[in-house]
Amino acid sequence: MKISTLLKGCPSLPTYEEVMAGNRNVDDRIIQPFFKAIERLSDAFEYTYLTASGKPFNYKEGITYQNFASGELVITPWKDYPDSLLQQLEASKNKHRKGKRLNKN
């Protein structure tokens, strides 16, 4: 998922323009709160951040807002995906397939 798209859906974070009109500390007001929010979700899924060129973020060199916003949050495996929902979707799919087979005969 593009981080810029996710930021648009985060009403608790200020926009880049708001930060630049204020204290201009993008790292403290946008980047770090975003990282902390995603970290709180780490019980649900594993993830990594990639730059627009597909390389992992380089935290040692620091991350500019432009590199951050143009990057992606990549969710790898979901942990304990809701089994009941998955079973419900599978049953619905099987019912649909079975109905198609009966209609063909």
C-alpha atoms as a PDB file:
ATOM      1  CA  MET A   1       0.000   0.000   0.000  1.00  0.00           C
ATOM      2  CA  LYS A   2       1.300   3.428  -0.871  1.00  0.00           C
ATOM      3  CA  ILE A   3       2.121   5.360   2.279  1.00  0.00           C
ATOM      4  CA  SER A   4       0.822   8.573   0.705  1.00  0.00           C
ATOM      5  CA  THR A   5      -2.589   6.906   0.315  1.00  0.00           C
ATOM      6  CA  LEU A   6      -2.560   5.700   3.909  1.00  0.00           C
ATOM      7  CA  LEU A   7      -1.642   9.183   5.149  1.00  0.00           C
ATOM      8  CA  LYS A   8      -4.753  10.605   3.485  1.00  0.00           C
ATOM      9  CA  GLY A   9      -6.830   8.281   5.686  1.00  0.00           C
ATOM     10  CA  CYS A  10      -5.097   9.315   8.939  1.00  0.00           C
ATOM     11  CA  PRO A  11      -7.089  12.283  10.263  1.00  0.00           C
ATOM     12  CA  SER A  12      -5.083  12.361  13.505  1.00  0.00           C
ATOM     13  CA  LEU A  13      -1.886  13.192  11.613  1.00  0.00           C
ATOM     14  CA  PRO A  14      -1.305  16.695  10.265  1.00  0.00           C
ATOM     15  CA  THR A  15      -0.738  17.167   6.566  1.00  0.00           C
ATOM     16  CA  TYR A  16       2.705  17.974   5.216  1.00  0.00           C
ATOM     17  CA  GLU A  17       1.510  21.494   4.451  1.00  0.00           C
ATOM     18  CA  GLU A  18       0.285  21.989   8.050  1.00  0.00           C
ATOM     19  CA  VAL A  19       3.626  20.846   9.457  1.00  0.00           C
ATOM     20  CA  MET A  20       5.580  23.065   7.076  1.00  0.00           C
ATOM     21  CA  ALA A  21       3.435  26.055   8.101  1.00  0.00           C
ATOM     22  CA  GLY A  22       4.238  25.288  11.757  1.00  0.00           C
ATOM     23  CA  ASN A  23       7.424  23.963  13.331  1.00  0.00           C
ATOM     24  CA  ARG A  24       8.507  22.089  10.136  1.00  0.00           C
ATOM     25  CA  ASN A  25       9.428  18.947  12.096  1.00  0.00           C
ATOM     26  CA  VAL A  26       7.999  16.354   9.708  1.00  0.00           C
ATOM     27  CA  ASP A  27       9.773  13.447  11.385  1.00  0.00           C
ATOM     28  CA  ASP A  28       8.260  14.098  14.835  1.00  0.00           C
ATOM     29  CA  ARG A  29       4.800  15.039  13.640  1.00  0.00           C
ATOM     30  CA  ILE A  30       4.142  12.629  10.738  1.00  0.00           C
ATOM     31  CA  ILE A  31       6.787   9.953  10.145  1.00  0.00           C
ATOM     32  CA  GLN A  32       7.395   8.697  13.704  1.00  0.00           C
ATOM     33  CA  PRO A  33       3.693   8.716  14.712  1.00  0.00           C
ATOM     34  CA  PHE A  34       2.919   6.722  11.545  1.00  0.00           C
ATOM     35  CA  PHE A  35       5.648   4.181  12.346  1.00  0.00           C
ATOM     36  CA  LYS A  36       4.378   3.862  15.938  1.00  0.00           C
ATOM     37  CA  ALA A  37       0.791   3.328  14.783  1.00  0.00           C
ATOM     38  CA  ILE A  38       1.819   0.570  12.387  1.00  0.00           C
ATOM     39  CA  GLU A  39       4.005  -1.022  15.074  1.00  0.00           C
ATOM     40  CA  ARG A  40       0.921  -1.269  17.327  1.00  0.00           C
ATOM     41  CA  LEU A  41      -0.693  -3.382  14.606  1.00  0.00           C
ATOM     42  CA  SER A  42       2.230  -5.810  14.496  1.00  0.00           C
ATOM     43  CA  ASP A  43       0.180  -8.370  16.450  1.00  0.00           C
ATOM     44  CA  ALA A  44      -2.069  -8.647  13.399  1.00  0.00           C
ATOM     45  CA  PHE A  45       0.510  -8.808  10.601  1.00  0.00           C
ATOM     46  CA  GLU A  46       4.176  -8.690   9.679  1.00  0.00           C
ATOM     47  CA  TYR A  47       5.292  -5.832   7.467  1.00  0.00           C
ATOM     48  CA  THR A  48       8.164  -3.999   5.866  1.00  0.00           C
ATOM     49  CA  TYR A  49       8.616  -0.570   4.326  1.00  0.00           C
ATOM     50  CA  LEU A  50       9.993  -0.202   0.813  1.00  0.00           C
ATOM     51  CA  THR A  51      11.134   2.861  -1.077  1.00  0.00           C
ATOM     52  CA  ALA A  52       9.626   3.732  -4.446  1.00  0.00           C
ATOM     53  CA  SER A  53      12.536   1.828  -6.033  1.00  0.00           C
ATOM     54  CA  GLY A  54      11.668  -1.314  -4.043  1.00  0.00           C
ATOM     55  CA  LYS A  55      14.508  -1.177  -1.517  1.00  0.00           C
ATOM     56  CA  PRO A  56      14.031  -1.291   2.276  1.00  0.00           C
ATOM     57  CA  PHE A  57      14.033   2.063   4.069  1.00  0.00           C
ATOM     58  CA  ASN A  58      17.503   3.075   5.284  1.00  0.00           C
ATOM     59  CA  TYR A  59      16.848   4.208   8.846  1.00  0.00           C
ATOM     60  CA  LYS A  60      20.528   4.958   9.545  1.00  0.00           C
ATOM     61  CA  GLU A  61      20.681   7.635   6.854  1.00  0.00           C
ATOM     62  CA  GLY A  62      17.308   9.014   7.847  1.00  0.00           C
ATOM     63  CA  ILE A  63      14.185   9.247   5.761  1.00  0.00           C
ATOM     64  CA  THR A  64      13.030  12.369   4.000  1.00  0.00           C
ATOM     65  CA  TYR A  65       9.334  13.052   3.822  1.00  0.00           C
ATOM     66  CA  GLN A  66       9.390  12.632   0.038  1.00  0.00           C
ATOM     67  CA  ASN A  67      11.009   9.172   0.308  1.00  0.00           C
ATOM     68  CA  PHE A  68       8.637   8.236   3.113  1.00  0.00           C
ATOM     69  CA  ALA A  69       5.451   9.378   1.334  1.00  0.00           C
ATOM     70  CA  SER A  70       6.442   7.783  -1.971  1.00  0.00           C
ATOM     71  CA  GLY A  71       7.280   4.490  -0.246  1.00  0.00           C
ATOM     72  CA  GLU A  72       5.086   1.494   0.406  1.00  0.00           C
ATOM     73  CA  LEU A  73       3.947  -0.469   3.419  1.00  0.00           C
ATOM     74  CA  VAL A  74       4.140  -4.127   2.433  1.00  0.00           C
ATOM     75  CA  ILE A  75       2.164  -6.540   4.583  1.00  0.00           C
ATOM     76  CA  THR A  76       3.651  -9.984   4.502  1.00  0.00           C
ATOM     77  CA  PRO A  77       1.766 -12.725   6.357  1.00  0.00           C
ATOM     78  CA  TRP A  78      -1.300 -11.943   8.432  1.00  0.00           C
ATOM     79  CA  LYS A  79      -1.158 -13.553  11.858  1.00  0.00           C
ATOM     80  CA  ASP A  80      -4.209 -15.496  13.029  1.00  0.00           C
ATOM     81  CA  TYR A  81      -6.369 -14.317  10.162  1.00  0.00           C
ATOM     82  CA  PRO A  82      -9.985 -14.570  11.351  1.00  0.00           C
ATOM     83  CA  ASP A  83     -10.694 -18.237  10.700  1.00  0.00           C
ATOM     84  CA  SER A  84     -14.457 -17.869  10.982  1.00  0.00           C
ATOM     85  CA  LEU A  85     -14.520 -15.209   8.256  1.00  0.00           C
ATOM     86  CA  LEU A  86     -12.245 -17.296   6.055  1.00  0.00           C
ATOM     87  CA  GLN A  87     -14.455 -20.359   6.533  1.00  0.00           C
ATOM     88  CA  GLN A  88     -17.566 -18.307   5.722  1.00  0.00           C
ATOM     89  CA  LEU A  89     -15.999 -17.006   2.505  1.00  0.00           C
ATOM     90  CA  GLU A  90     -14.878 -20.504   1.520  1.00  0.00           C
ATOM     91  CA  ALA A  91     -18.374 -21.926   2.148  1.00  0.00           C
ATOM     92  CA  SER A  92     -19.942 -19.155   0.079  1.00  0.00           C
ATOM     93  CA  LYS A  93     -17.501 -19.773  -2.780  1.00  0.00           C
ATOM     94  CA  ASN A  94     -18.160 -23.524  -2.692  1.00  0.00           C
ATOM     95  CA  LYS A  95     -21.925 -22.978  -2.641  1.00  0.00           C
ATOM     96  CA  HIS A  96     -21.643 -20.690  -5.669  1.00  0.00           C
ATOM     97  CA  ARG A  97     -19.507 -23.224  -7.553  1.00  0.00           C
ATOM     98  CA  LYS A  98     -21.876 -26.074  -6.693  1.00  0.00           C
ATOM     99  CA  GLY A  99     -24.835 -24.009  -7.928  1.00  0.00           C
ATOM    100  CA  LYS A 100     -23.090 -23.395 -11.254  1.00  0.00           C
ATOM    101  CA  ARG A 101     -22.394 -27.118 -11.692  1.00  0.00           C
ATOM    102  CA  LEU A 102     -26.050 -28.010 -11.004  1.00  0.00           C
ATOM    103  CA  ASN A 103     -27.264 -25.412 -13.516  1.00  0.00           C
ATOM    104  CA  LYS A 104     -25.022 -26.837 -16.256  1.00  0.00           C
ATOM    105  CA  ASN A 105     -26.496 -30.353 -15.900  1.00  0.00           C
END
